[in-house]
Amino acid sequence: MSRLPFLKMHGLGNDFVVLDARTTPLDLSLQRRRAIADRRLGVGCDQLIVLEAPTEDDADVFMRIFNPDGGEAGACGNATRCVASVVMDERKTDQVTVQTISGLLESQKTGMGSNGLPVISVDMGLARLDWREIPVREACDTNHMPVGLGPLQDPVGTNMGNPHATFFVDDLAEIPITELGPKLEHDRFFPERANIGVVQPLGEGRLRLRVWERGAGLTLACGSGACAAVVAASRRGLVDRKAEVIVDGGTLTMEWLRDGHVLMTGGIAVAFKGELDASLLA
């Protein structure tokens, strides 16, 4: 495999290497995916994104998502906004539909950010709340799941194309998320592992969020985690169905619509363009 062009993009610091395989398929083994995502030996990213030709007539592009451990993910809200921006620019349109393994995500440009790039809203799909859909090990009320560790207890379960457990705390700064996150991610209560979100309600429709992402670790922003946070907070009566979710990288505007879908709005950025050396693709 020869040199391969890529885009380095991010949504609020949640960063991606974006590869285009729409015309020529890429042979990306587990080892190659890990090498590209490695921050010391490769380009480095929270997720590796591969664009493919869509398989459904209603879609404009298929987005495949890989975590740094090489495993495939079902959803990534910040990556969806980035990919939507790329396709909107190519097609000179303000609306595109992004296909993922979890379903179709409709995206719309709603304005321009201070960096001159689009602000994009994405319908992240239906928030799934049944214990079998998340999934968890045993039948339970997903508004109060019987799992926890130390100060993190009594989470809300949500599936936003991937499984989330959202914990509420009084002081997020006091939570050692890098210590507790990986242990909870791998807790046997979650047969497919889980993204671990920790939320501090701030009042007036604002939530402070950090997420230990399944297969990626602590990131500056997690779009599907922000979706899960607003759904969980609304179920607990802590916010209405709309909230600002403040992550380490910035702020997302989230709304849990009456039809059960979750709308996410935020900006994107292009960091740089480059080519992958053949040694990363060997």
Protein backbone atom coordinates (compact mmCIF):
# COMPACT_ATOMS: atom_id res chain seq x y z
CA MET A 1 0.00 0.00 0.00
CA SER A 2 1.45 3.39 -1.05
CA ARG A 3 1.10 6.73 0.73
CA LEU A 4 -2.47 7.50 1.72
CA PRO A 5 -3.98 11.01 2.12
CA PHE A 6 -5.79 11.81 5.37
CA LEU A 7 -7.56 14.64 7.16
CA LYS A 8 -6.99 15.39 10.83
CA MET A 9 -10.22 16.87 12.24
CA HIS A 10 -11.80 17.38 15.62
CA GLY A 11 -15.04 18.34 17.31
CA LEU A 12 -14.28 20.20 20.57
CA GLY A 13 -10.94 18.39 20.83
CA ASN A 14 -12.36 14.90 20.18
CA ASP A 15 -9.94 14.20 17.32
CA PHE A 16 -10.05 11.97 14.27
CA VAL A 17 -7.94 10.72 11.41
CA VAL A 18 -10.28 10.60 8.41
CA LEU A 19 -9.49 8.28 5.49
CA ASP A 20 -11.41 8.13 2.21
CA ALA A 21 -12.18 4.63 0.91
CA ARG A 22 -15.22 5.54 -1.19
CA THR A 23 -13.59 4.72 -4.51
CA THR A 24 -10.74 2.39 -3.49
CA PRO A 25 -11.25 -0.03 -0.57
CA LEU A 26 -8.59 0.02 2.15
CA ASP A 27 -7.02 -3.05 3.73
CA LEU A 28 -6.87 -1.84 7.32
CA SER A 29 -5.97 -4.71 9.58
CA LEU A 30 -6.30 -4.46 13.35
CA GLN A 31 -2.55 -3.80 13.55
CA ARG A 32 -2.74 -1.00 10.97
CA ARG A 33 -5.68 0.67 12.69
CA ARG A 34 -3.83 0.65 15.99
CA ALA A 35 -0.65 2.00 14.38
CA ILE A 36 -2.43 4.96 12.76
CA ALA A 37 -4.20 5.86 16.02
CA ASP A 38 -1.02 5.65 18.13
CA ARG A 39 -0.08 9.16 19.30
CA ARG A 40 3.63 8.37 19.52
CA LEU A 41 4.22 6.06 16.58
CA GLY A 42 1.41 7.08 14.21
CA VAL A 43 -0.73 10.16 13.61
CA GLY A 44 -2.75 9.75 16.79
CA CYS A 45 -6.49 10.13 17.33
CA ASP A 46 -9.44 9.30 19.55
CA GLN A 47 -11.06 7.50 16.62
CA LEU A 48 -10.02 6.46 13.12
CA ILE A 49 -12.77 7.30 10.61
CA VAL A 50 -13.05 5.56 7.25
CA LEU A 51 -15.43 6.94 4.60
CA GLU A 52 -17.02 4.31 2.39
CA ALA A 53 -19.68 4.28 -0.32
CA PRO A 54 -23.16 4.11 1.27
CA THR A 55 -25.17 0.92 1.06
CA GLU A 56 -28.55 2.63 1.48
CA ASP A 57 -30.15 4.90 -1.11
CA ASP A 58 -31.01 7.60 1.45
CA ALA A 59 -27.40 7.97 2.64
CA ASP A 60 -24.69 10.24 1.21
CA VAL A 61 -21.73 8.46 2.80
CA PHE A 62 -20.98 5.47 5.04
CA MET A 63 -18.84 6.30 8.08
CA ARG A 64 -16.93 3.47 9.74
CA ILE A 65 -15.53 4.19 13.23
CA PHE A 66 -12.55 2.50 14.88
CA ASN A 67 -11.30 3.11 18.42
CA PRO A 68 -7.55 3.32 19.20
CA ASP A 69 -7.59 -0.32 20.30
CA GLY A 70 -8.65 -1.21 16.76
CA GLY A 71 -12.18 -2.25 17.69
CA GLU A 72 -15.16 -0.93 15.74
CA ALA A 73 -17.59 1.52 17.36
CA GLY A 74 -21.23 2.03 16.50
CA ALA A 75 -21.56 5.78 17.02
CA CYS A 76 -19.53 8.97 17.37
CA GLY A 77 -21.40 12.26 17.36
CA ASN A 78 -18.40 14.55 16.99
CA ALA A 79 -17.06 12.48 14.08
CA THR A 80 -20.49 12.58 12.44
CA ARG A 81 -20.39 16.38 12.45
CA CYS A 82 -16.88 16.35 10.97
CA VAL A 83 -17.79 13.89 8.22
CA ALA A 84 -21.01 15.75 7.47
CA SER A 85 -18.98 18.93 7.02
CA VAL A 86 -16.66 17.24 4.52
CA VAL A 87 -19.54 15.86 2.45
CA MET A 88 -21.50 19.13 2.62
CA ASP A 89 -18.47 20.96 1.26
CA GLU A 90 -18.04 18.41 -1.55
CA ARG A 91 -21.70 18.53 -2.56
CA LYS A 92 -22.31 22.24 -1.91
CA THR A 93 -25.30 21.48 0.28
CA ASP A 94 -26.43 22.18 3.84
CA GLN A 95 -27.93 18.73 4.50
CA VAL A 96 -26.45 15.23 4.30
CA THR A 97 -27.25 11.81 5.72
CA VAL A 98 -24.42 9.80 7.25
CA GLN A 99 -24.79 6.02 7.39
CA THR A 100 -23.20 4.07 10.27
CA ILE A 101 -23.48 0.49 11.46
CA SER A 102 -26.03 1.79 13.98
CA GLY A 103 -28.25 3.54 11.43
CA LEU A 104 -28.74 6.74 9.41
CA LEU A 105 -27.85 10.11 10.95
CA GLU A 106 -29.36 13.21 9.37
CA SER A 107 -27.12 16.29 9.56
CA GLN A 108 -27.77 19.95 8.86
CA LYS A 109 -25.61 23.07 8.81
CA THR A 110 -27.11 25.64 11.19
CA GLY A 111 -24.51 28.41 11.02
CA MET A 112 -20.82 29.22 10.99
CA GLY A 113 -18.37 29.05 13.88
CA SER A 114 -15.76 31.65 14.80
CA ASN A 115 -13.19 29.53 12.92
CA GLY A 116 -15.11 29.98 9.67
CA LEU A 117 -16.24 26.36 9.61
CA PRO A 118 -19.81 25.10 9.92
CA VAL A 119 -21.84 24.57 13.06
CA ILE A 120 -23.72 21.34 12.44
CA SER A 121 -26.74 19.66 14.02
CA VAL A 122 -26.97 15.87 13.90
CA ASP A 123 -29.99 13.74 14.70
CA MET A 124 -28.19 11.05 16.68
CA GLY A 125 -31.17 8.73 16.51
CA LEU A 126 -33.35 7.12 19.11
CA ALA A 127 -32.20 6.91 22.73
CA ARG A 128 -32.72 3.27 23.67
CA LEU A 129 -33.56 2.70 27.33
CA ASP A 130 -34.48 -0.96 27.76
CA TRP A 131 -31.94 -3.07 29.67
CA ARG A 132 -31.71 -5.52 26.75
CA GLU A 133 -30.88 -2.71 24.32
CA ILE A 134 -28.07 -1.13 26.33
CA PRO A 135 -27.21 -4.05 27.00
CA VAL A 136 -26.66 -5.05 30.63
CA ARG A 137 -26.30 -8.44 32.29
CA GLU A 138 -29.68 -8.63 34.00
CA ALA A 139 -33.16 -7.12 33.98
CA CYS A 140 -33.26 -3.79 35.81
CA ASP A 141 -34.66 -0.27 35.88
CA THR A 142 -32.17 1.53 33.64
CA ASN A 143 -32.91 4.81 35.43
CA HIS A 144 -31.26 3.29 38.51
CA MET A 145 -28.85 0.52 37.53
CA PRO A 146 -27.32 -1.68 40.25
CA VAL A 147 -23.67 -1.12 39.40
CA GLY A 148 -21.00 1.22 40.67
CA LEU A 149 -17.57 1.70 42.17
CA GLY A 150 -16.53 4.00 45.02
CA PRO A 151 -18.16 7.43 44.64
CA LEU A 152 -19.76 6.43 41.33
CA GLN A 153 -23.07 4.70 42.05
CA ASP A 154 -26.64 4.38 40.72
CA PRO A 155 -26.08 5.24 37.04
CA VAL A 156 -28.59 5.72 34.23
CA GLY A 157 -28.25 3.42 31.22
CA THR A 158 -28.69 4.64 27.65
CA ASN A 159 -27.80 3.24 24.25
CA MET A 160 -26.99 5.88 21.63
CA GLY A 161 -25.64 3.41 19.09
CA ASN A 162 -23.21 2.35 21.82
CA PRO A 163 -23.74 1.61 25.53
CA HIS A 164 -23.49 4.39 28.13
CA ALA A 165 -23.65 4.45 31.91
CA THR A 166 -24.12 7.99 33.22
CA PHE A 167 -23.28 8.75 36.86
CA PHE A 168 -24.30 11.96 38.67
CA VAL A 169 -22.02 13.60 41.22
CA ASP A 170 -21.89 16.83 43.23
CA ASP A 171 -18.27 17.68 42.36
CA LEU A 172 -16.80 16.30 39.16
CA ALA A 173 -13.32 17.54 40.06
CA GLU A 174 -13.22 15.12 42.98
CA ILE A 175 -13.81 12.04 40.80
CA PRO A 176 -10.69 10.05 39.72
CA ILE A 177 -12.21 9.11 36.37
CA THR A 178 -8.98 7.72 34.92
CA GLU A 179 -8.89 5.26 37.81
CA LEU A 180 -12.57 4.34 38.00
CA GLY A 181 -13.45 4.62 34.31
CA PRO A 182 -11.56 1.59 32.97
CA LYS A 183 -12.75 -0.61 35.83
CA LEU A 184 -16.38 0.29 35.24
CA GLU A 185 -15.97 0.01 31.46
CA HIS A 186 -15.00 -3.63 31.93
CA ASP A 187 -17.46 -4.44 34.74
CA ARG A 188 -19.20 -7.75 34.07
CA PHE A 189 -22.54 -5.93 34.36
CA PHE A 190 -21.85 -4.63 30.81
CA PRO A 191 -21.44 -7.62 28.45
CA GLU A 192 -20.28 -5.34 25.59
CA ARG A 193 -18.39 -2.98 27.94
CA ALA A 194 -19.67 0.58 28.32
CA ASN A 195 -18.81 4.25 28.00
CA ILE A 196 -18.64 5.74 31.49
CA GLY A 197 -20.02 9.28 31.78
CA VAL A 198 -19.74 11.41 34.92
CA VAL A 199 -22.03 14.44 35.17
CA GLN A 200 -22.20 17.37 37.55
CA PRO A 201 -25.50 19.29 37.19
CA LEU A 202 -24.78 23.03 37.19
CA GLY A 203 -28.35 24.34 37.18
CA GLU A 204 -30.14 26.49 34.59
CA GLY A 205 -30.08 23.74 31.96
CA ARG A 206 -26.32 23.16 32.08
CA LEU A 207 -24.40 19.93 32.68
CA ARG A 208 -20.65 19.41 33.17
CA LEU A 209 -19.56 16.10 31.63
CA ARG A 210 -16.47 13.93 31.35
CA VAL A 211 -16.50 10.53 29.64
CA TRP A 212 -14.23 7.53 29.83
CA GLU A 213 -14.84 6.16 26.33
CA ARG A 214 -14.98 2.46 25.67
CA GLY A 215 -11.80 1.48 23.82
CA ALA A 216 -10.45 5.04 23.79
CA GLY A 217 -10.13 6.29 27.37
CA LEU A 218 -10.70 9.84 28.58
CA THR A 219 -11.37 12.27 25.70
CA LEU A 220 -11.92 16.02 25.50
CA ALA A 221 -15.45 15.51 24.17
CA CYS A 222 -17.82 12.61 23.57
CA GLY A 223 -20.86 13.36 21.43
CA SER A 224 -22.79 10.18 22.15
CA GLY A 225 -21.87 10.64 25.83
CA ALA A 226 -23.40 14.12 25.73
CA CYS A 227 -26.55 12.59 24.23
CA ALA A 228 -26.68 10.04 27.02
CA ALA A 229 -26.07 12.77 29.61
CA VAL A 230 -29.03 14.92 28.57
CA VAL A 231 -31.31 11.88 28.33
CA ALA A 232 -30.20 10.65 31.77
CA ALA A 233 -30.54 14.08 33.37
CA SER A 234 -33.98 14.54 31.87
CA ARG A 235 -35.11 11.11 33.13
CA ARG A 236 -33.91 12.10 36.61
CA GLY A 237 -35.70 15.45 36.46
CA LEU A 238 -32.44 17.43 36.61
CA VAL A 239 -32.98 19.30 33.32
CA ASP A 240 -35.73 19.76 30.81
CA ARG A 241 -35.29 17.98 27.46
CA LYS A 242 -32.76 20.58 26.27
CA ALA A 243 -29.41 21.43 27.87
CA GLU A 244 -25.94 22.79 27.31
CA VAL A 245 -23.39 20.06 27.95
CA ILE A 246 -19.96 21.39 28.88
CA VAL A 247 -17.08 19.01 28.12
CA ASP A 248 -13.34 19.54 28.49
CA GLY A 249 -13.14 20.78 24.88
CA GLY A 250 -16.11 23.16 24.85
CA THR A 251 -19.92 23.17 24.80
CA LEU A 252 -22.51 21.14 22.91
CA THR A 253 -26.19 22.02 22.66
CA MET A 254 -28.31 18.92 23.19
CA GLU A 255 -32.04 18.24 22.90
CA TRP A 256 -33.97 15.04 23.60
CA LEU A 257 -36.85 15.40 21.17
CA ARG A 258 -40.40 14.25 21.89
CA ASP A 259 -40.04 11.42 19.36
CA GLY A 260 -37.17 9.99 21.43
CA HIS A 261 -34.39 11.10 19.10
CA VAL A 262 -31.48 13.22 20.35
CA LEU A 263 -30.32 16.32 18.48
CA MET A 264 -26.71 17.45 18.94
CA THR A 265 -25.36 20.81 17.75
CA GLY A 266 -21.74 21.97 17.76
CA GLY A 267 -18.77 23.12 15.73
CA ILE A 268 -15.96 21.27 13.96
CA ALA A 269 -12.37 22.02 13.01
CA VAL A 270 -9.77 20.84 10.51
CA ALA A 271 -6.33 20.60 12.12
CA PHE A 272 -4.26 19.58 9.09
CA LYS A 273 -4.01 17.38 6.01
CA GLY A 274 -1.28 14.85 5.35
CA GLU A 275 -0.26 11.51 3.93
CA LEU A 276 0.24 8.27 5.81
CA ASP A 277 3.68 6.82 5.18
CA ALA A 278 3.78 3.35 3.66
CA SER A 279 5.45 2.05 6.84
CA LEU A 280 2.18 2.62 8.76
CA LEU A 281 0.30 0.58 6.17
CA ALA A 282 2.68 -2.38 5.95
